[in-house]
Protein backbone atom coordinates (compact mmCIF):
# COMPACT_ATOMS: atom_id res chain seq x y z
CA UNK A 1 268.50 -26.06 81.65
CA UNK A 2 266.65 -22.99 82.90
CA UNK A 3 268.44 -22.86 86.23
CA UNK A 4 271.81 -23.18 84.43
CA UNK A 5 270.91 -20.30 82.11
CA UNK A 6 270.01 -18.18 85.08
CA UNK A 7 273.00 -19.04 87.22
CA UNK A 8 275.56 -19.36 84.43
CA UNK A 9 277.05 -22.32 86.33
CA UNK A 10 277.94 -24.73 83.55
CA UNK A 11 279.70 -28.06 84.18
CA UNK A 12 283.49 -27.45 84.34
CA UNK A 13 285.02 -30.97 84.28
CA UNK A 14 287.05 -31.97 81.19
CA UNK A 15 284.48 -34.34 79.72
CA UNK A 16 281.64 -31.90 79.99
CA UNK A 17 283.87 -29.07 78.59
CA UNK A 18 284.77 -31.05 75.48
CA UNK A 19 281.20 -32.25 74.88
CA UNK A 20 279.91 -28.66 75.25
CA UNK A 21 282.55 -27.03 72.92
CA UNK A 22 282.13 -29.65 70.20
CA UNK A 23 278.40 -29.83 70.47
CA UNK A 24 278.04 -26.02 70.23
CA UNK A 25 280.32 -26.02 67.20
CA UNK A 26 278.28 -28.72 65.44
CA UNK A 27 274.91 -27.09 66.18
CA UNK A 28 276.24 -23.64 65.12
CA UNK A 29 277.39 -25.12 61.81
CA UNK A 30 281.09 -24.66 62.41
CA UNK A 31 281.38 -28.28 61.44
CA UNK A 32 279.04 -28.79 58.48
CA UNK A 33 276.65 -31.74 58.22
CA UNK A 34 278.49 -34.62 56.57
CA UNK A 35 281.93 -33.28 57.30
CA UNK A 36 284.56 -35.04 59.33
CA UNK A 37 285.69 -33.68 62.68
CA UNK A 38 289.39 -33.04 63.20
CA UNK A 39 291.34 -36.15 64.24
CA UNK A 40 291.68 -37.31 67.85
CA UNK A 41 295.26 -36.07 68.15
CA UNK A 42 294.31 -32.55 66.99
CA UNK A 43 291.24 -32.34 69.22
CA UNK A 44 293.02 -33.72 72.26
CA UNK A 45 295.73 -31.13 71.87
CA UNK A 46 293.22 -28.32 71.29
CA UNK A 47 291.27 -29.05 74.37
CA UNK A 48 294.28 -30.16 76.45
CA UNK A 49 292.63 -33.48 77.44
CA UNK A 50 293.67 -37.11 77.23
CA UNK A 51 292.60 -39.41 74.45
CA UNK A 52 290.45 -41.22 77.00
CA UNK A 53 288.47 -38.14 77.89
CA UNK A 54 288.07 -37.31 74.21
CA UNK A 55 286.75 -40.79 73.34
CA UNK A 56 284.16 -40.54 76.23
CA UNK A 57 283.11 -37.20 74.93
CA UNK A 58 282.58 -38.53 71.42
CA UNK A 59 280.54 -41.37 72.92
CA UNK A 60 278.28 -38.79 74.50
CA UNK A 61 277.90 -36.75 71.30
CA UNK A 62 277.18 -39.94 69.39
CA UNK A 63 274.41 -40.87 71.90
CA UNK A 64 272.93 -37.33 71.31
CA UNK A 65 272.87 -38.09 67.59
CA UNK A 66 275.23 -35.30 66.53
CA UNK A 67 278.11 -37.45 65.20
CA UNK A 68 278.87 -40.97 64.01
CA UNK A 69 282.33 -42.50 64.34
CA UNK A 70 283.60 -44.90 61.65
CA UNK A 71 286.75 -46.97 62.16
CA UNK A 72 289.70 -45.84 59.92
CA UNK A 73 287.53 -43.08 58.55
CA UNK A 74 286.86 -40.59 61.33
CA UNK A 75 283.94 -39.01 63.16
CA UNK A 76 281.32 -37.51 60.80
CA UNK A 77 278.69 -34.94 61.63
CA UNK A 78 275.24 -36.50 61.16
CA UNK A 79 272.16 -35.11 59.40
CA UNK A 80 270.12 -32.73 61.55
CA UNK A 81 267.17 -35.10 61.43
CA UNK A 82 269.18 -37.49 63.58
CA UNK A 83 269.92 -35.01 66.32
CA UNK A 84 268.11 -35.64 69.57
CA UNK A 85 266.23 -32.41 69.91
CA UNK A 86 264.62 -33.59 73.18
CA UNK A 87 268.05 -33.66 74.73
CA UNK A 88 268.69 -30.72 77.11
CA UNK A 89 272.22 -30.07 75.91
CA UNK A 90 271.24 -30.07 72.22
CA UNK A 91 268.41 -27.64 72.91
CA UNK A 92 270.80 -25.43 74.92
CA UNK A 93 273.33 -25.39 72.06
CA UNK A 94 270.58 -24.20 69.74
CA UNK A 95 269.93 -21.19 72.04
CA UNK A 96 273.65 -20.44 72.32
CA UNK A 97 273.99 -20.49 68.49
CA UNK A 98 271.15 -18.00 68.24
CA UNK A 99 267.45 -18.77 68.30
CA UNK A 100 265.49 -18.12 65.05
CA UNK A 101 261.84 -17.54 64.59
CA UNK A 102 261.66 -20.80 62.66
CA UNK A 103 263.13 -22.72 65.60
CA UNK A 104 260.77 -20.94 68.03
CA UNK A 105 257.82 -21.86 65.83
CA UNK A 106 258.81 -25.52 65.74
CA UNK A 107 259.29 -25.58 69.46
CA UNK A 108 255.85 -23.94 70.04
CA UNK A 109 254.23 -26.45 67.69
CA UNK A 110 255.61 -29.31 69.70
CA UNK A 111 254.36 -27.75 72.93
CA UNK A 112 250.93 -27.35 71.47
CA UNK A 113 250.93 -31.04 70.48
CA UNK A 114 251.03 -32.27 74.10
CA UNK A 115 250.62 -29.53 76.78
CA UNK A 116 246.93 -28.78 76.05
CA UNK A 117 246.23 -32.49 76.23
CA UNK A 118 248.19 -32.69 79.51
CA UNK A 119 245.93 -29.92 80.84
CA UNK A 120 242.94 -31.91 79.68
CA UNK A 121 244.17 -34.98 81.52
CA UNK A 122 244.90 -32.92 84.62
CA UNK A 123 241.25 -31.78 84.61
CA UNK A 124 240.33 -35.47 84.85
CA UNK A 125 243.11 -36.78 87.10
CA UNK A 126 244.43 -34.02 89.30
CA UNK A 127 244.24 -34.54 93.08
CA UNK A 128 243.35 -31.76 95.56
CA UNK A 129 247.08 -31.64 96.39
CA UNK A 130 247.90 -31.08 92.74
CA UNK A 131 245.45 -28.30 92.39
CA UNK A 132 246.75 -26.58 95.65
CA UNK A 133 250.28 -26.82 94.26
CA UNK A 134 249.24 -25.18 90.97
CA UNK A 135 247.49 -22.35 92.77
CA UNK A 136 250.57 -21.87 94.94
CA UNK A 137 252.81 -21.67 91.88
CA UNK A 138 250.49 -19.15 90.22
CA UNK A 139 250.87 -17.09 93.36
CA UNK A 140 254.62 -17.38 93.13
CA UNK A 141 254.43 -16.03 89.58
CA UNK A 142 252.38 -13.12 90.74
CA UNK A 143 254.85 -12.30 93.57
CA UNK A 144 257.90 -12.58 91.41
CA UNK A 145 259.88 -9.38 91.32
CA UNK A 146 262.50 -10.39 88.78
CA UNK A 147 262.52 -12.23 85.51
CA UNK A 148 264.62 -15.01 87.09
CA UNK A 149 262.09 -15.74 89.87
CA UNK A 150 259.18 -15.46 87.43
CA UNK A 151 260.79 -17.88 84.94
CA UNK A 152 261.48 -20.49 87.68
CA UNK A 153 257.93 -20.25 89.01
CA UNK A 154 256.63 -20.53 85.43
CA UNK A 155 258.70 -23.64 84.82
CA UNK A 156 257.58 -25.26 88.05
CA UNK A 157 253.94 -24.50 87.15
CA UNK A 158 254.13 -26.23 83.79
CA UNK A 159 256.07 -29.26 85.13
CA UNK A 160 253.58 -29.57 88.00
CA UNK A 161 250.74 -29.60 85.49
CA UNK A 162 252.43 -32.42 83.54
CA UNK A 163 252.66 -34.26 86.85
CA UNK A 164 248.92 -33.65 87.49
CA UNK A 165 248.11 -35.32 84.18
CA UNK A 166 249.26 -38.63 85.83
CA UNK A 167 250.80 -39.72 82.54
CA UNK A 168 254.48 -40.51 83.23
CA UNK A 169 255.37 -40.11 79.53
CA UNK A 170 254.64 -36.36 79.82
CA UNK A 171 257.84 -35.87 81.86
CA UNK A 172 259.92 -37.16 78.97
CA UNK A 173 259.06 -34.11 76.89
CA UNK A 174 259.46 -31.60 79.73
CA UNK A 175 262.76 -30.40 78.21
CA UNK A 176 260.82 -28.76 75.45
CA UNK A 177 258.89 -26.67 77.98
CA UNK A 178 262.16 -25.71 79.66
CA UNK A 179 263.71 -24.78 76.40
CA UNK A 180 260.80 -22.48 75.48
CA UNK A 181 261.10 -20.81 78.84
CA UNK A 182 264.87 -20.38 78.43
CA UNK A 183 264.16 -18.47 75.24
CA UNK A 184 261.59 -16.36 77.04
CA UNK A 185 264.04 -15.72 79.93
CA UNK A 186 266.86 -14.70 77.59
CA UNK A 187 264.80 -12.61 75.16
CA UNK A 188 261.58 -11.40 76.79
CA UNK A 189 259.78 -11.65 80.14
CA UNK A 190 256.36 -10.50 81.37
CA UNK A 191 258.14 -8.90 84.29
CA UNK A 192 260.02 -6.72 81.87
CA UNK A 193 257.16 -5.74 79.54
CA UNK A 194 254.51 -5.21 82.24
CA UNK A 195 252.26 -8.10 81.24
CA UNK A 196 252.98 -10.12 84.31
CA UNK A 197 249.48 -9.87 85.78
CA UNK A 198 247.88 -10.95 82.50
CA UNK A 199 250.23 -13.95 82.28
CA UNK A 200 249.37 -14.94 85.89
CA UNK A 201 245.71 -14.64 85.20
CA UNK A 202 246.05 -16.89 82.17
CA UNK A 203 247.83 -19.50 84.26
CA UNK A 204 245.33 -19.26 87.14
CA UNK A 205 242.51 -19.72 84.59
CA UNK A 206 244.02 -23.04 83.67
CA UNK A 207 244.06 -24.12 87.34
CA UNK A 208 240.44 -23.00 87.76
CA UNK A 209 239.42 -25.12 84.79
CA UNK A 210 241.40 -28.10 86.10
CA UNK A 211 239.76 -27.73 89.52
CA UNK A 212 236.33 -27.64 87.84
CA UNK A 213 237.13 -30.71 85.79
CA UNK A 214 236.62 -28.77 82.51
CA UNK A 215 239.10 -30.33 80.18
CA UNK A 216 238.12 -28.14 77.20
CA UNK A 217 238.68 -24.97 79.13
CA UNK A 218 241.96 -26.22 80.57
CA UNK A 219 243.31 -27.17 77.09
CA UNK A 220 242.16 -23.84 75.60
CA UNK A 221 243.84 -22.01 78.42
CA UNK A 222 247.06 -23.79 77.84
CA UNK A 223 246.92 -23.09 74.11
CA UNK A 224 246.57 -19.43 74.90
CA UNK A 225 249.53 -19.36 77.34
CA UNK A 226 251.77 -21.04 74.76
CA UNK A 227 250.65 -18.78 71.90
CA UNK A 228 251.09 -15.57 74.00
CA UNK A 229 254.59 -16.57 75.03
CA UNK A 230 255.55 -17.51 71.54
CA UNK A 231 254.37 -14.17 70.11
CA UNK A 232 256.09 -12.17 72.80
CA UNK A 233 259.46 -13.84 72.11
CA UNK A 234 258.89 -13.64 68.32
CA UNK A 235 258.18 -9.99 68.63
CA UNK A 236 261.48 -9.42 70.51
CA UNK A 237 263.37 -11.31 67.83
CA UNK A 238 261.78 -9.20 65.07
CA UNK A 239 262.56 -6.00 66.81
CA UNK A 240 266.06 -7.03 67.42
CA UNK A 241 266.49 -7.84 63.70
CA UNK A 242 265.07 -4.51 62.62
CA UNK A 243 267.42 -2.59 64.92
CA UNK A 244 270.56 -4.17 63.38
């Protein structure tokens, strides 16, 4: 998700194109919850694809929870509570529709529900190799000279910490971290607002706590990193709203 946002290289095949266009429209509210999508003939003509490609795209959107097809009725947009917000595409479409402070708050709350505990587990379970990897990634963040290189090192750091927890379920929620860093990449970056060294110090403090086996300090450090990032992006959203 983050690498795609940086490179701008989105999937170009017909199936991915249709999924992306309809998915974005649903999340943006162009098709209201409970409404029926246009018929297959109209959509196939609009996107210049075969009915087979369209049906496969609808299967993908159904699996993501956005729509529900009914024979002889049509394909209806489902309630937002049924959308799979852990899905990378669904999260990406939210950012493309325009991130709100409410969405950012919800995302931060979810991160706070598992990342500090992952840091606590890492303090108990991390190997010397895990710790060396985390220090190396903190160094990469310090050496980053662009918001792109900083964002990628930041993502790798957080994913490496999930790995150091040794709980495989942690990887299943990694998209939430990536989504949060996409928002930071697009709206605000420590490289841009001259807080890079402070951010690096906060991340390095987490590694120091993990190395010392201090779960409380590791968890507290992660809570601080998440809160600081949330507040930085929220501040940028607020300033952007005031300038319009």
